[in-house]
């Protein structure tokens, strides 16, 4: 468990599937191509649990909860990838609509970045929000990422989107 002010991060577990289902709602996935089908969501759950059981340097998925109440509000994570000939981490997050606009995503991303810096082996964390996703781009800016520019990013496999490439160094 890792707390950073208003949020607490707990490694993803089998018990977190109901939260993943809530995060798969149409209003939460509009910038990701829409909700995933049940079988793909079950696969995602298995990947999240496996990632959180692996060595922390491989990455980690977390359930995000309010520190004060323990209420589950979303997810955040980081995982290994190669990007432009560099081994880095990619990050992604989601905060349920009723908790958005309070800086909680920024706190969750900052806590995940802190975990990656402390336990990881890669020099940087990248985020790839769509150019039209103002809220996620604001999270990156407020969490201290540097905007490197626009890129074409593939997600889900076979679907390319114009995104921003944000980078946060994990080493001094």
N, C-alpha and C. Protein backbone atom coordinates (compact mmCIF):
# COMPACT_ATOMS: atom_id res chain seq x y z
N UNK A 1 0.85 -1.17 0.00
CA UNK A 1 0.00 0.00 0.00
C UNK A 1 0.90 1.24 0.00
N UNK A 2 0.51 2.24 -0.77
CA UNK A 2 1.27 3.48 -0.89
C UNK A 2 0.30 4.64 -0.81
N UNK A 3 0.51 5.54 0.15
CA UNK A 3 -0.36 6.71 0.28
C UNK A 3 0.39 7.96 -0.12
N UNK A 4 -0.30 8.82 -0.85
CA UNK A 4 0.24 10.14 -1.19
C UNK A 4 -0.90 11.12 -1.01
N UNK A 5 -0.94 11.72 0.16
CA UNK A 5 -1.97 12.71 0.44
C UNK A 5 -3.37 12.11 0.38
N UNK A 6 -4.15 12.58 -0.58
CA UNK A 6 -5.57 12.24 -0.67
C UNK A 6 -5.83 10.83 -1.17
N UNK A 7 -4.82 10.18 -1.79
CA UNK A 7 -5.07 8.86 -2.37
C UNK A 7 -4.14 7.81 -1.80
N UNK A 8 -4.64 6.58 -1.82
CA UNK A 8 -3.86 5.41 -1.44
C UNK A 8 -3.88 4.44 -2.61
N UNK A 9 -2.71 3.91 -2.94
CA UNK A 9 -2.60 2.91 -4.00
C UNK A 9 -2.37 1.55 -3.39
N UNK A 10 -3.14 0.56 -3.86
CA UNK A 10 -3.02 -0.81 -3.41
C UNK A 10 -2.84 -1.69 -4.64
N UNK A 11 -1.87 -2.61 -4.64
CA UNK A 11 -1.70 -3.46 -5.82
C UNK A 11 -3.01 -4.15 -6.21
N UNK A 12 -3.26 -4.20 -7.51
CA UNK A 12 -4.48 -4.77 -8.07
C UNK A 12 -4.62 -6.22 -7.67
N UNK A 13 -5.84 -6.66 -7.37
CA UNK A 13 -6.08 -8.04 -6.95
C UNK A 13 -7.33 -8.59 -7.64
N UNK A 14 -7.57 -9.87 -7.42
CA UNK A 14 -8.77 -10.52 -7.97
C UNK A 14 -10.04 -9.81 -7.51
N UNK A 15 -10.02 -9.25 -6.32
CA UNK A 15 -11.21 -8.60 -5.75
C UNK A 15 -11.55 -7.27 -6.44
N UNK A 16 -10.66 -6.78 -7.31
CA UNK A 16 -10.87 -5.46 -7.92
C UNK A 16 -11.63 -5.49 -9.24
N UNK A 17 -12.10 -6.65 -9.66
CA UNK A 17 -12.81 -6.73 -10.94
C UNK A 17 -14.05 -5.84 -11.00
N UNK A 18 -14.86 -5.74 -9.94
CA UNK A 18 -16.01 -4.82 -10.01
C UNK A 18 -15.61 -3.37 -10.30
N UNK A 19 -14.49 -2.94 -9.78
CA UNK A 19 -14.00 -1.59 -10.09
C UNK A 19 -13.60 -1.50 -11.56
N UNK A 20 -12.94 -2.52 -12.08
CA UNK A 20 -12.58 -2.53 -13.49
C UNK A 20 -13.83 -2.46 -14.37
N UNK A 21 -14.88 -3.15 -13.97
CA UNK A 21 -16.14 -3.07 -14.72
C UNK A 21 -16.69 -1.64 -14.71
N UNK A 22 -16.62 -0.96 -13.59
CA UNK A 22 -17.09 0.44 -13.52
C UNK A 22 -16.23 1.35 -14.39
N UNK A 23 -14.93 1.08 -14.44
CA UNK A 23 -14.02 1.88 -15.26
C UNK A 23 -14.20 1.60 -16.75
N UNK A 24 -14.91 0.55 -17.10
CA UNK A 24 -15.14 0.16 -18.48
C UNK A 24 -16.42 0.79 -19.06
N UNK A 25 -17.01 1.71 -18.35
CA UNK A 25 -18.25 2.37 -18.78
C UNK A 25 -17.99 3.25 -20.01
N UNK A 26 -19.01 3.48 -20.82
CA UNK A 26 -18.84 4.30 -22.03
C UNK A 26 -18.24 5.68 -21.75
N UNK A 27 -18.66 6.35 -20.68
CA UNK A 27 -18.12 7.68 -20.41
C UNK A 27 -16.67 7.64 -19.93
N UNK A 28 -16.21 6.48 -19.48
CA UNK A 28 -14.82 6.34 -19.05
C UNK A 28 -13.90 5.89 -20.18
N UNK A 29 -14.46 5.37 -21.25
CA UNK A 29 -13.64 4.79 -22.32
C UNK A 29 -13.80 5.51 -23.66
N UNK A 30 -14.43 6.65 -23.65
CA UNK A 30 -14.71 7.37 -24.89
C UNK A 30 -13.42 7.69 -25.66
N UNK A 31 -12.32 7.96 -24.96
CA UNK A 31 -11.05 8.28 -25.62
C UNK A 31 -10.20 7.04 -25.87
N UNK A 32 -10.72 5.88 -25.51
CA UNK A 32 -9.98 4.62 -25.67
C UNK A 32 -10.65 3.68 -26.65
N UNK A 33 -11.62 4.16 -27.38
CA UNK A 33 -12.29 3.31 -28.35
C UNK A 33 -13.55 2.65 -27.83
N UNK A 34 -14.00 3.02 -26.64
CA UNK A 34 -15.24 2.47 -26.09
C UNK A 34 -14.99 1.30 -25.16
N UNK A 35 -16.06 0.84 -24.52
CA UNK A 35 -15.94 -0.27 -23.56
C UNK A 35 -15.42 -1.55 -24.22
N UNK A 36 -14.70 -2.32 -23.44
CA UNK A 36 -14.22 -3.61 -23.90
C UNK A 36 -15.31 -4.66 -23.69
N UNK A 37 -15.32 -5.65 -24.56
CA UNK A 37 -16.24 -6.79 -24.42
C UNK A 37 -15.87 -7.58 -23.16
N UNK A 38 -16.81 -8.36 -22.66
CA UNK A 38 -16.61 -9.09 -21.40
C UNK A 38 -15.37 -9.97 -21.42
N UNK A 39 -15.11 -10.67 -22.52
CA UNK A 39 -13.94 -11.56 -22.56
C UNK A 39 -12.64 -10.76 -22.54
N UNK A 40 -12.61 -9.63 -23.21
CA UNK A 40 -11.41 -8.78 -23.20
C UNK A 40 -11.20 -8.13 -21.84
N UNK A 41 -12.29 -7.78 -21.18
CA UNK A 41 -12.18 -7.20 -19.84
C UNK A 41 -11.66 -8.24 -18.85
N UNK A 42 -12.10 -9.48 -18.97
CA UNK A 42 -11.59 -10.56 -18.12
C UNK A 42 -10.10 -10.77 -18.38
N UNK A 43 -9.67 -10.68 -19.63
CA UNK A 43 -8.24 -10.77 -19.95
C UNK A 43 -7.47 -9.63 -19.31
N UNK A 44 -8.02 -8.42 -19.36
CA UNK A 44 -7.37 -7.26 -18.75
C UNK A 44 -7.23 -7.49 -17.24
N UNK A 45 -8.27 -7.98 -16.61
CA UNK A 45 -8.21 -8.27 -15.17
C UNK A 45 -7.07 -9.24 -14.87
N UNK A 46 -6.94 -10.30 -15.66
CA UNK A 46 -5.87 -11.27 -15.45
C UNK A 46 -4.50 -10.62 -15.61
N UNK A 47 -4.35 -9.74 -16.61
CA UNK A 47 -3.07 -9.05 -16.83
C UNK A 47 -2.76 -8.12 -15.66
N UNK A 48 -3.76 -7.40 -15.17
CA UNK A 48 -3.55 -6.49 -14.04
C UNK A 48 -3.09 -7.26 -12.80
N UNK A 49 -3.77 -8.37 -12.50
CA UNK A 49 -3.40 -9.17 -11.33
C UNK A 49 -1.99 -9.74 -11.50
N UNK A 50 -1.68 -10.25 -12.69
CA UNK A 50 -0.35 -10.81 -12.94
C UNK A 50 0.73 -9.74 -12.82
N UNK A 51 0.47 -8.56 -13.35
CA UNK A 51 1.45 -7.48 -13.27
C UNK A 51 1.71 -7.10 -11.82
N UNK A 52 0.68 -7.09 -11.01
CA UNK A 52 0.85 -6.71 -9.61
C UNK A 52 1.46 -7.82 -8.77
N UNK A 53 1.53 -9.03 -9.31
CA UNK A 53 2.19 -10.13 -8.61
C UNK A 53 3.65 -10.27 -9.05
N UNK A 54 4.03 -9.62 -10.15
CA UNK A 54 5.39 -9.70 -10.67
C UNK A 54 6.32 -8.80 -9.86
N UNK A 55 7.60 -8.90 -10.15
CA UNK A 55 8.57 -8.00 -9.52
C UNK A 55 8.20 -6.56 -9.88
N UNK A 56 8.32 -5.63 -8.93
CA UNK A 56 7.90 -4.25 -9.18
C UNK A 56 8.59 -3.59 -10.38
N UNK A 57 9.79 -4.02 -10.73
CA UNK A 57 10.48 -3.42 -11.88
C UNK A 57 9.74 -3.70 -13.18
N UNK A 58 8.90 -4.74 -13.22
CA UNK A 58 8.12 -5.04 -14.42
C UNK A 58 6.95 -4.09 -14.59
N UNK A 59 6.58 -3.43 -13.51
CA UNK A 59 5.44 -2.54 -13.52
C UNK A 59 4.48 -2.91 -12.41
N UNK A 60 3.38 -2.19 -12.37
CA UNK A 60 2.40 -2.44 -11.31
C UNK A 60 1.09 -1.78 -11.70
N UNK A 61 -0.01 -2.44 -11.40
CA UNK A 61 -1.34 -1.84 -11.48
C UNK A 61 -1.84 -1.67 -10.06
N UNK A 62 -2.51 -0.55 -9.84
CA UNK A 62 -3.00 -0.22 -8.50
C UNK A 62 -4.48 0.13 -8.54
N UNK A 63 -5.16 -0.23 -7.46
CA UNK A 63 -6.48 0.30 -7.15
C UNK A 63 -6.23 1.63 -6.44
N UNK A 64 -6.95 2.66 -6.82
CA UNK A 64 -6.81 3.97 -6.19
C UNK A 64 -8.01 4.16 -5.26
N UNK A 65 -7.71 4.52 -4.01
CA UNK A 65 -8.76 4.75 -3.02
C UNK A 65 -8.53 6.10 -2.36
N UNK A 66 -9.60 6.66 -1.84
CA UNK A 66 -9.46 7.87 -1.04
C UNK A 66 -8.81 7.50 0.28
N UNK A 67 -7.78 8.20 0.67
CA UNK A 67 -7.08 7.89 1.92
C UNK A 67 -8.01 8.06 3.11
N UNK A 68 -8.80 9.09 3.10
CA UNK A 68 -9.65 9.41 4.25
C UNK A 68 -10.76 8.38 4.48
N UNK A 69 -11.41 7.94 3.40
CA UNK A 69 -12.58 7.06 3.54
C UNK A 69 -12.35 5.62 3.10
N UNK A 70 -11.31 5.39 2.31
CA UNK A 70 -11.07 4.06 1.77
C UNK A 70 -11.91 3.74 0.55
N UNK A 71 -12.73 4.68 0.10
CA UNK A 71 -13.60 4.46 -1.06
C UNK A 71 -12.75 4.32 -2.32
N UNK A 72 -13.05 3.28 -3.12
CA UNK A 72 -12.33 3.04 -4.37
C UNK A 72 -12.79 4.03 -5.42
N UNK A 73 -11.81 4.69 -6.07
CA UNK A 73 -12.15 5.74 -7.03
C UNK A 73 -11.57 5.53 -8.42
N UNK A 74 -10.68 4.54 -8.60
CA UNK A 74 -10.11 4.35 -9.92
C UNK A 74 -8.91 3.44 -9.92
N UNK A 75 -8.12 3.57 -10.98
CA UNK A 75 -6.93 2.75 -11.15
C UNK A 75 -5.81 3.61 -11.73
N UNK A 76 -4.59 3.15 -11.51
CA UNK A 76 -3.41 3.75 -12.11
C UNK A 76 -2.36 2.66 -12.19
N UNK A 77 -1.49 2.76 -13.18
CA UNK A 77 -0.44 1.76 -13.28
C UNK A 77 0.66 2.20 -14.21
N UNK A 78 1.69 1.37 -14.22
CA UNK A 78 2.79 1.56 -15.17
C UNK A 78 3.28 0.18 -15.58
N UNK A 79 3.80 0.09 -16.80
CA UNK A 79 4.26 -1.18 -17.35
C UNK A 79 5.38 -0.90 -18.34
N UNK A 80 6.17 -1.96 -18.58
CA UNK A 80 7.32 -1.84 -19.47
C UNK A 80 6.88 -1.74 -20.93
N UNK A 81 7.65 -0.94 -21.67
CA UNK A 81 7.48 -0.89 -23.12
C UNK A 81 8.75 -0.30 -23.72
N UNK A 82 8.90 -0.52 -24.99
CA UNK A 82 9.96 0.14 -25.73
C UNK A 82 9.31 1.25 -26.53
N UNK A 83 9.89 2.44 -26.45
CA UNK A 83 9.35 3.57 -27.17
C UNK A 83 10.50 4.35 -27.78
N UNK A 84 10.47 4.42 -29.10
CA UNK A 84 11.51 5.16 -29.84
C UNK A 84 12.91 4.72 -29.42
N UNK A 85 13.10 3.40 -29.45
CA UNK A 85 14.40 2.78 -29.16
C UNK A 85 14.89 2.98 -27.73
N UNK A 86 13.99 3.26 -26.81
CA UNK A 86 14.34 3.41 -25.41
C UNK A 86 13.41 2.53 -24.57
N UNK A 87 13.97 1.84 -23.59
CA UNK A 87 13.16 1.06 -22.67
C UNK A 87 12.64 2.00 -21.60
N UNK A 88 11.31 2.16 -21.56
CA UNK A 88 10.66 3.09 -20.65
C UNK A 88 9.47 2.39 -20.00
N UNK A 89 8.77 3.12 -19.16
CA UNK A 89 7.48 2.68 -18.65
C UNK A 89 6.40 3.54 -19.31
N UNK A 90 5.27 2.91 -19.54
CA UNK A 90 4.07 3.63 -19.96
C UNK A 90 3.14 3.67 -18.76
N UNK A 91 2.36 4.73 -18.64
CA UNK A 91 1.40 4.83 -17.55
C UNK A 91 0.01 5.08 -18.09
N UNK A 92 -0.97 4.67 -17.33
CA UNK A 92 -2.36 4.93 -17.64
C UNK A 92 -3.16 4.97 -16.36
N UNK A 93 -4.30 5.65 -16.40
CA UNK A 93 -5.12 5.82 -15.20
C UNK A 93 -6.57 6.05 -15.58
N UNK A 94 -7.42 5.91 -14.62
CA UNK A 94 -8.83 6.25 -14.76
C UNK A 94 -9.40 6.57 -13.39
N UNK A 95 -10.14 7.66 -13.31
CA UNK A 95 -10.82 8.05 -12.06
C UNK A 95 -12.30 8.14 -12.38
N UNK A 96 -13.11 7.51 -11.56
CA UNK A 96 -14.55 7.49 -11.79
C UNK A 96 -15.11 8.91 -11.86
N UNK A 97 -16.13 9.12 -12.68
CA UNK A 97 -16.64 10.48 -12.93
C UNK A 97 -16.98 11.28 -11.68
N UNK A 98 -17.55 10.65 -10.68
CA UNK A 98 -17.97 11.40 -9.50
C UNK A 98 -16.79 11.91 -8.66
N UNK A 99 -15.56 11.48 -9.00
CA UNK A 99 -14.37 11.92 -8.27
C UNK A 99 -13.44 12.77 -9.13
N UNK A 100 -13.82 13.02 -10.36
CA UNK A 100 -12.98 13.80 -11.27
C UNK A 100 -13.01 15.28 -10.91
N UNK A 101 -11.98 16.00 -11.35
CA UNK A 101 -11.92 17.44 -11.15
C UNK A 101 -11.44 17.88 -9.78
N UNK A 102 -10.88 16.95 -9.00
CA UNK A 102 -10.42 17.28 -7.65
C UNK A 102 -8.91 17.10 -7.46
N UNK A 103 -8.20 16.81 -8.55
CA UNK A 103 -6.76 16.58 -8.46
C UNK A 103 -6.38 15.19 -8.01
N UNK A 104 -7.36 14.29 -7.91
CA UNK A 104 -7.07 12.93 -7.44
C UNK A 104 -6.29 12.12 -8.46
N UNK A 105 -6.55 12.32 -9.74
CA UNK A 105 -5.78 11.62 -10.78
C UNK A 105 -4.33 12.08 -10.74
N UNK A 106 -4.10 13.37 -10.55
CA UNK A 106 -2.73 13.89 -10.45
C UNK A 106 -2.02 13.22 -9.27
N UNK A 107 -2.69 13.13 -8.14
CA UNK A 107 -2.09 12.50 -6.96
C UNK A 107 -1.80 11.03 -7.22
N UNK A 108 -2.71 10.34 -7.90
CA UNK A 108 -2.51 8.91 -8.19
C UNK A 108 -1.35 8.71 -9.15
N UNK A 109 -1.27 9.53 -10.19
CA UNK A 109 -0.17 9.42 -11.15
C UNK A 109 1.15 9.74 -10.47
N UNK A 110 1.17 10.75 -9.62
CA UNK A 110 2.40 11.10 -8.90
C UNK A 110 2.84 9.95 -7.99
N UNK A 111 1.90 9.31 -7.32
CA UNK A 111 2.23 8.18 -6.45
C UNK A 111 2.75 7.00 -7.26
N UNK A 112 2.13 6.71 -8.40
CA UNK A 112 2.61 5.62 -9.26
C UNK A 112 4.00 5.93 -9.80
N UNK A 113 4.24 7.19 -10.18
CA UNK A 113 5.56 7.59 -10.67
C UNK A 113 6.61 7.43 -9.56
N UNK A 114 6.23 7.78 -8.34
CA UNK A 114 7.13 7.61 -7.20
C UNK A 114 7.48 6.14 -7.00
N UNK A 115 6.48 5.28 -7.13
CA UNK A 115 6.71 3.83 -7.01
C UNK A 115 7.64 3.35 -8.11
N UNK A 116 7.39 3.78 -9.35
CA UNK A 116 8.23 3.38 -10.48
C UNK A 116 9.67 3.85 -10.28
N UNK A 117 9.84 5.07 -9.78
CA UNK A 117 11.19 5.59 -9.55
C UNK A 117 11.91 4.79 -8.46
N UNK A 118 11.18 4.40 -7.42
CA UNK A 118 11.79 3.69 -6.30
C UNK A 118 12.06 2.22 -6.61
N UNK A 119 11.22 1.60 -7.44
CA UNK A 119 11.31 0.15 -7.64
C UNK A 119 11.66 -0.26 -9.07
N UNK A 120 11.61 0.68 -9.98
CA UNK A 120 11.82 0.35 -11.38
C UNK A 120 13.25 0.44 -11.82
N UNK A 121 13.45 0.12 -13.08
CA UNK A 121 14.79 0.12 -13.68
C UNK A 121 14.87 1.00 -14.91
N UNK A 122 13.76 1.62 -15.27
CA UNK A 122 13.72 2.39 -16.51
C UNK A 122 13.81 3.88 -16.21
N UNK A 123 14.37 4.65 -17.14
CA UNK A 123 14.67 6.05 -16.84
C UNK A 123 13.50 7.02 -16.92
N UNK A 124 12.39 6.59 -17.54
CA UNK A 124 11.31 7.55 -17.75
C UNK A 124 9.96 6.86 -17.80
N UNK A 125 8.95 7.67 -17.54
CA UNK A 125 7.55 7.26 -17.61
C UNK A 125 6.90 8.09 -18.72
N UNK A 126 6.18 7.42 -19.62
CA UNK A 126 5.49 8.12 -20.71
C UNK A 126 3.99 7.92 -20.57
N UNK A 127 3.24 8.92 -20.98
CA UNK A 127 1.78 8.85 -21.06
C UNK A 127 1.39 9.32 -22.46
N UNK A 128 0.30 8.76 -22.98
CA UNK A 128 -0.12 9.02 -24.35
C UNK A 128 -1.60 9.36 -24.46
N UNK A 129 -2.06 10.41 -23.79
CA UNK A 129 -3.48 10.77 -23.92
C UNK A 129 -3.76 11.36 -25.30
N UNK A 130 -4.97 11.13 -25.78
CA UNK A 130 -5.38 11.71 -27.06
C UNK A 130 -5.25 13.22 -27.03
N UNK A 131 -4.94 13.80 -28.18
CA UNK A 131 -4.78 15.25 -28.24
C UNK A 131 -6.06 15.97 -27.84
N UNK A 132 -7.20 15.32 -28.01
CA UNK A 132 -8.48 15.93 -27.68
C UNK A 132 -8.96 15.63 -26.26
N UNK A 133 -8.15 14.93 -25.48
CA UNK A 133 -8.53 14.57 -24.11
C UNK A 133 -7.91 15.59 -23.15
N UNK A 134 -8.59 16.71 -23.01
CA UNK A 134 -8.07 17.83 -22.23
C UNK A 134 -7.77 17.45 -20.78
N UNK A 135 -8.63 16.67 -20.15
CA UNK A 135 -8.44 16.33 -18.74
C UNK A 135 -7.18 15.51 -18.53
N UNK A 136 -6.96 14.49 -19.35
CA UNK A 136 -5.76 13.65 -19.18
C UNK A 136 -4.49 14.42 -19.52
N UNK A 137 -4.56 15.30 -20.50
CA UNK A 137 -3.39 16.13 -20.80
C UNK A 137 -3.10 17.07 -19.64
N UNK A 138 -4.13 17.57 -18.98
CA UNK A 138 -3.94 18.43 -17.81
C UNK A 138 -3.32 17.64 -16.66
N UNK A 139 -3.72 16.38 -16.49
CA UNK A 139 -3.11 15.54 -15.46
C UNK A 139 -1.61 15.43 -15.71
N UNK A 140 -1.23 15.17 -16.95
CA UNK A 140 0.19 15.05 -17.27
C UNK A 140 0.94 16.33 -16.94
N UNK A 141 0.39 17.44 -17.36
CA UNK A 141 1.03 18.74 -17.12
C UNK A 141 1.18 18.99 -15.61
N UNK A 142 0.10 18.77 -14.86
CA UNK A 142 0.12 19.03 -13.42
C UNK A 142 0.99 18.04 -12.65
N UNK A 143 1.19 16.84 -13.21
CA UNK A 143 2.04 15.84 -12.55
C UNK A 143 3.52 16.02 -12.89
N UNK A 144 3.84 17.02 -13.71
CA UNK A 144 5.24 17.33 -13.98
C UNK A 144 5.83 16.72 -15.23
N UNK A 145 5.00 16.10 -16.07
CA UNK A 145 5.49 15.55 -17.33
C UNK A 145 5.85 16.68 -18.28
N UNK A 146 6.73 16.40 -19.23
CA UNK A 146 7.09 17.33 -20.30
C UNK A 146 6.45 16.85 -21.59
N UNK A 147 5.78 17.75 -22.28
CA UNK A 147 5.15 17.41 -23.56
C UNK A 147 6.22 17.37 -24.64
N UNK A 148 6.36 16.19 -25.28
CA UNK A 148 7.34 16.02 -26.35
C UNK A 148 6.74 16.29 -27.73
N UNK A 149 5.41 16.29 -27.81
CA UNK A 149 4.75 16.56 -29.08
C UNK A 149 3.69 15.53 -29.39
N UNK A 150 3.16 15.62 -30.60
CA UNK A 150 2.13 14.67 -31.06
C UNK A 150 2.78 13.44 -31.67
N UNK A 151 2.05 12.33 -31.59
CA UNK A 151 2.51 11.09 -32.19
C UNK A 151 1.29 10.26 -32.59
N UNK A 152 1.51 9.25 -33.38
CA UNK A 152 0.47 8.28 -33.69
C UNK A 152 0.68 7.10 -32.76
N UNK A 153 -0.34 6.77 -31.99
CA UNK A 153 -0.22 5.73 -30.97
C UNK A 153 -1.26 4.65 -31.24
N UNK A 154 -0.84 3.41 -31.15
CA UNK A 154 -1.73 2.28 -31.44
C UNK A 154 -2.37 1.76 -30.16
N UNK A 155 -3.69 1.92 -30.08
CA UNK A 155 -4.47 1.36 -28.97
C UNK A 155 -5.95 1.48 -29.29
N UNK A 156 -6.66 0.39 -29.17
CA UNK A 156 -6.20 -0.98 -29.02
C UNK A 156 -5.44 -1.43 -30.27
N UNK A 157 -4.85 -2.63 -30.22
CA UNK A 157 -4.07 -3.09 -31.37
C UNK A 157 -4.84 -2.93 -32.69
N UNK A 158 -4.15 -2.32 -33.65
CA UNK A 158 -4.74 -2.11 -34.97
C UNK A 158 -5.44 -0.77 -35.14
N UNK A 159 -5.62 -0.02 -34.05
CA UNK A 159 -6.30 1.27 -34.12
C UNK A 159 -5.30 2.36 -33.71
N UNK A 160 -5.05 3.31 -34.63
CA UNK A 160 -4.11 4.38 -34.35
C UNK A 160 -4.86 5.67 -34.03
N UNK A 161 -4.34 6.39 -33.04
CA UNK A 161 -4.91 7.67 -32.60
C UNK A 161 -3.80 8.71 -32.58
N UNK A 162 -4.17 9.96 -32.77
CA UNK A 162 -3.22 11.05 -32.57
C UNK A 162 -3.22 11.38 -31.09
N UNK A 163 -2.07 11.23 -30.48
CA UNK A 163 -1.94 11.45 -29.05
C UNK A 163 -0.80 12.43 -28.78
N UNK A 164 -0.74 12.87 -27.55
CA UNK A 164 0.43 13.60 -27.07
C UNK A 164 1.36 12.59 -26.43
N UNK A 165 2.64 12.82 -26.56
CA UNK A 165 3.67 12.02 -25.91
C UNK A 165 4.22 12.86 -24.76
N UNK A 166 3.87 12.46 -23.55
CA UNK A 166 4.34 13.13 -22.34
C UNK A 166 5.41 12.27 -21.69
N UNK A 167 6.47 12.89 -21.17
CA UNK A 167 7.58 12.14 -20.56
C UNK A 167 7.91 12.73 -19.19
N UNK A 168 8.10 11.83 -18.23
CA UNK A 168 8.50 12.20 -16.88
C UNK A 168 9.77 11.42 -16.53
N UNK A 169 10.90 12.10 -16.31
CA UNK A 169 12.11 11.37 -15.91
C UNK A 169 11.92 10.73 -14.54
N UNK A 170 12.44 9.53 -14.39
CA UNK A 170 12.34 8.81 -13.11
C UNK A 170 13.67 8.80 -12.37
N UNK A 171 14.70 9.26 -13.02
CA UNK A 171 16.01 9.33 -12.39
C UNK A 171 16.49 10.77 -12.43
N UNK A 172 17.28 11.16 -11.43
CA UNK A 172 17.75 12.57 -11.39
C UNK A 172 18.66 12.92 -12.55
